[in-house]
Amino acid sequence: MRPRHAWNPLDADVLDWYSRVAEPMQFALKLQEMREMIEPYAAGLAAASHSDETLGALAAAHAAMAAARNVDEWVRADLQFHLSVLIACSNELLIPLGTLIERTLEAQLRLNAKRADVFNASLAEHTAVFEAIRARDAPAARDAMARLLGVMRGRIEA
């Protein structure tokens, strides 16, 4: 086996394997750190450069979150929301990142929804992200996404 520093954790197979063998909280925090580095900036880019089509996809994901009746519906919509932000930022180098981490992100979103008092406890934070992107307010979108991810970090660390 190659030394750990030589692994490519951004290979889909390695990431999938690592997510199953790593200590769950340690892996969740590493994924969260990566999200905190990328998603606020991506939200700002999405605010500045979304198209009508990508905003429509984000709006549909947000509406599905608002309409979710259970954890499974919430997690599917939440995952689509975050992937839609990456797509709306119009940076083709970030889009594959969302696809790559989709399975592990889904598990993290499920964990966060189950740790909340109610599965849709972060709807207001998601709404703030959506509204800032829709308004093309990049600083507000970055701040709103950072606040949302802070709530998620709090649940992971709880």
Protein backbone atom coordinates (compact mmCIF):
# COMPACT_ATOMS: atom_id res chain seq x y z
CA MET A 1 0.00 0.00 0.00
CA ARG A 2 1.19 3.50 -0.82
CA PRO A 3 1.80 5.92 2.06
CA ARG A 4 -1.23 7.99 3.04
CA HIS A 5 0.27 11.26 1.73
CA ALA A 6 0.45 9.66 -1.74
CA TRP A 7 -3.27 8.84 -1.86
CA ASN A 8 -5.55 10.85 -4.12
CA PRO A 9 -8.62 11.37 -1.94
CA LEU A 10 -10.27 13.25 -4.83
CA ASP A 11 -10.46 10.01 -6.80
CA ALA A 12 -14.08 8.88 -6.50
CA ASP A 13 -13.20 5.30 -5.53
CA VAL A 14 -10.60 6.36 -2.95
CA LEU A 15 -12.99 8.93 -1.47
CA ASP A 16 -15.80 6.37 -1.26
CA TRP A 17 -13.51 3.83 0.41
CA TYR A 18 -12.03 6.41 2.78
CA SER A 19 -15.48 7.62 3.82
CA ARG A 20 -16.31 4.06 4.90
CA VAL A 21 -13.09 3.23 6.79
CA ALA A 22 -12.20 6.56 8.40
CA GLU A 23 -13.42 7.43 11.85
CA PRO A 24 -16.84 8.97 11.06
CA MET A 25 -16.48 12.25 12.96
CA GLN A 26 -12.94 12.79 11.70
CA PHE A 27 -14.09 12.27 8.11
CA ALA A 28 -17.15 14.49 8.57
CA LEU A 29 -14.97 17.32 9.88
CA LYS A 30 -12.49 16.97 6.98
CA LEU A 31 -15.36 17.12 4.47
CA GLN A 32 -16.79 20.09 6.36
CA GLU A 33 -13.44 21.91 6.20
CA MET A 34 -13.33 21.42 2.45
CA ARG A 35 -16.89 22.68 2.10
CA GLU A 36 -16.12 25.76 4.22
CA MET A 37 -13.22 26.60 1.90
CA ILE A 38 -15.20 26.18 -1.32
CA GLU A 39 -18.93 26.71 -0.89
CA PRO A 40 -19.05 30.31 0.38
CA TYR A 41 -16.89 31.46 -2.54
CA ALA A 42 -18.98 29.34 -4.94
CA ALA A 43 -22.15 30.99 -3.59
CA GLY A 44 -20.63 34.40 -4.29
CA LEU A 45 -19.73 33.32 -7.82
CA ALA A 46 -23.25 31.95 -8.29
CA ALA A 47 -24.70 35.30 -7.26
CA ALA A 48 -22.51 37.12 -9.75
CA SER A 49 -22.84 34.77 -12.69
CA HIS A 50 -25.93 32.55 -12.52
CA SER A 51 -28.09 32.15 -15.60
CA ASP A 52 -31.88 31.96 -15.65
CA GLU A 53 -31.53 28.20 -16.12
CA THR A 54 -29.16 27.64 -13.20
CA LEU A 55 -31.17 29.95 -10.96
CA GLY A 56 -34.26 27.95 -11.91
CA ALA A 57 -32.58 24.72 -10.83
CA LEU A 58 -31.54 26.31 -7.54
CA ALA A 59 -35.08 27.64 -7.02
CA ALA A 60 -36.51 24.17 -7.67
CA ALA A 61 -34.13 22.63 -5.13
CA HIS A 62 -35.02 25.32 -2.58
CA ALA A 63 -38.74 24.77 -3.17
CA ALA A 64 -38.27 21.01 -2.72
CA MET A 65 -36.54 21.68 0.59
CA ALA A 66 -39.42 23.86 1.73
CA ALA A 67 -41.92 21.18 0.70
CA ALA A 68 -40.00 18.21 2.18
CA ARG A 69 -42.15 16.05 4.44
CA ASN A 70 -39.44 13.76 5.80
CA VAL A 71 -35.67 13.37 6.16
CA ASP A 72 -35.25 11.50 2.87
CA GLU A 73 -37.02 14.20 0.83
CA TRP A 74 -35.08 16.89 2.69
CA VAL A 75 -31.70 15.28 2.09
CA ARG A 76 -32.35 14.76 -1.64
CA ALA A 77 -33.41 18.41 -2.01
CA ASP A 78 -30.57 19.69 0.20
CA LEU A 79 -28.01 17.78 -1.87
CA GLN A 80 -29.51 19.17 -5.08
CA PHE A 81 -29.40 22.67 -3.59
CA HIS A 82 -25.67 22.50 -2.88
CA LEU A 83 -24.89 20.90 -6.24
CA SER A 84 -26.98 23.60 -7.94
CA VAL A 85 -24.92 26.32 -6.25
CA LEU A 86 -21.76 24.79 -7.71
CA ILE A 87 -23.34 24.60 -11.16
CA ALA A 88 -24.67 28.17 -10.93
CA CYS A 89 -21.21 29.56 -10.19
CA SER A 90 -20.33 28.93 -13.87
CA ASN A 91 -16.89 27.55 -13.07
CA GLU A 92 -16.53 24.27 -14.91
CA LEU A 93 -13.68 23.24 -12.60
CA LEU A 94 -15.95 23.30 -9.54
CA ILE A 95 -18.86 21.37 -11.05
CA PRO A 96 -17.07 17.98 -11.05
CA LEU A 97 -16.15 18.52 -7.41
CA GLY A 98 -19.83 18.40 -6.51
CA THR A 99 -20.34 15.23 -8.50
CA LEU A 100 -17.25 13.71 -6.90
CA ILE A 101 -18.31 14.33 -3.30
CA GLU A 102 -22.02 13.71 -3.92
CA ARG A 103 -22.20 10.37 -2.08
CA THR A 104 -20.21 11.52 0.94
CA LEU A 105 -22.00 14.87 1.03
CA GLU A 106 -25.35 13.08 1.03
CA ALA A 107 -24.27 11.08 4.09
CA GLN A 108 -23.14 14.27 5.84
CA LEU A 109 -26.41 16.07 5.04
CA ARG A 110 -28.37 13.10 6.39
CA LEU A 111 -26.32 13.14 9.60
CA ASN A 112 -26.91 16.88 10.02
CA ALA A 113 -30.65 16.55 9.40
CA LYS A 114 -30.92 13.79 11.98
CA ARG A 115 -28.89 15.73 14.56
CA ALA A 116 -31.15 18.78 14.25
CA ASP A 117 -34.25 19.17 16.40
CA VAL A 118 -36.30 18.87 13.20
CA PHE A 119 -34.99 17.68 9.84
CA ASN A 120 -35.57 21.04 8.12
CA ALA A 121 -34.11 23.20 10.90
CA SER A 122 -31.71 24.93 8.48
CA LEU A 123 -34.35 26.02 5.96
CA ALA A 124 -34.01 29.69 6.96
CA GLU A 125 -30.23 29.58 6.37
CA HIS A 126 -30.73 27.94 2.97
CA THR A 127 -33.34 30.57 2.12
CA ALA A 128 -30.87 33.34 2.94
CA VAL A 129 -28.33 31.76 0.55
CA PHE A 130 -30.94 31.40 -2.18
CA GLU A 131 -32.26 34.94 -1.82
CA ALA A 132 -28.75 36.45 -1.90
CA ILE A 133 -27.88 34.48 -5.05
CA ARG A 134 -31.17 35.45 -6.68
CA ALA A 135 -30.50 39.12 -5.81
CA ARG A 136 -26.99 38.84 -7.32
CA ASP A 137 -25.52 39.98 -4.00
CA ALA A 138 -22.19 38.12 -3.93
CA PRO A 139 -21.00 39.29 -0.47
CA ALA A 140 -24.36 38.40 1.09
CA ALA A 141 -24.33 35.00 -0.65
CA ARG A 142 -20.83 34.26 0.68
CA ASP A 143 -21.83 35.33 4.19
CA ALA A 144 -25.09 33.39 4.13
CA MET A 145 -23.35 30.20 2.97
CA ALA A 146 -20.66 30.63 5.63
CA ARG A 147 -23.39 30.98 8.29
CA LEU A 148 -25.18 27.90 6.96
CA LEU A 149 -21.99 25.87 7.06
CA GLY A 150 -21.32 27.15 10.58
CA VAL A 151 -24.67 25.72 11.69
CA MET A 152 -23.76 22.42 10.05
CA ARG A 153 -20.35 22.38 11.74
CA GLY A 154 -22.05 22.95 15.08
CA ARG A 155 -24.20 19.88 14.55
CA ILE A 156 -21.22 17.75 13.56
CA GLU A 157 -19.28 18.81 16.64
CA ALA A 158 -22.26 18.43 19.01
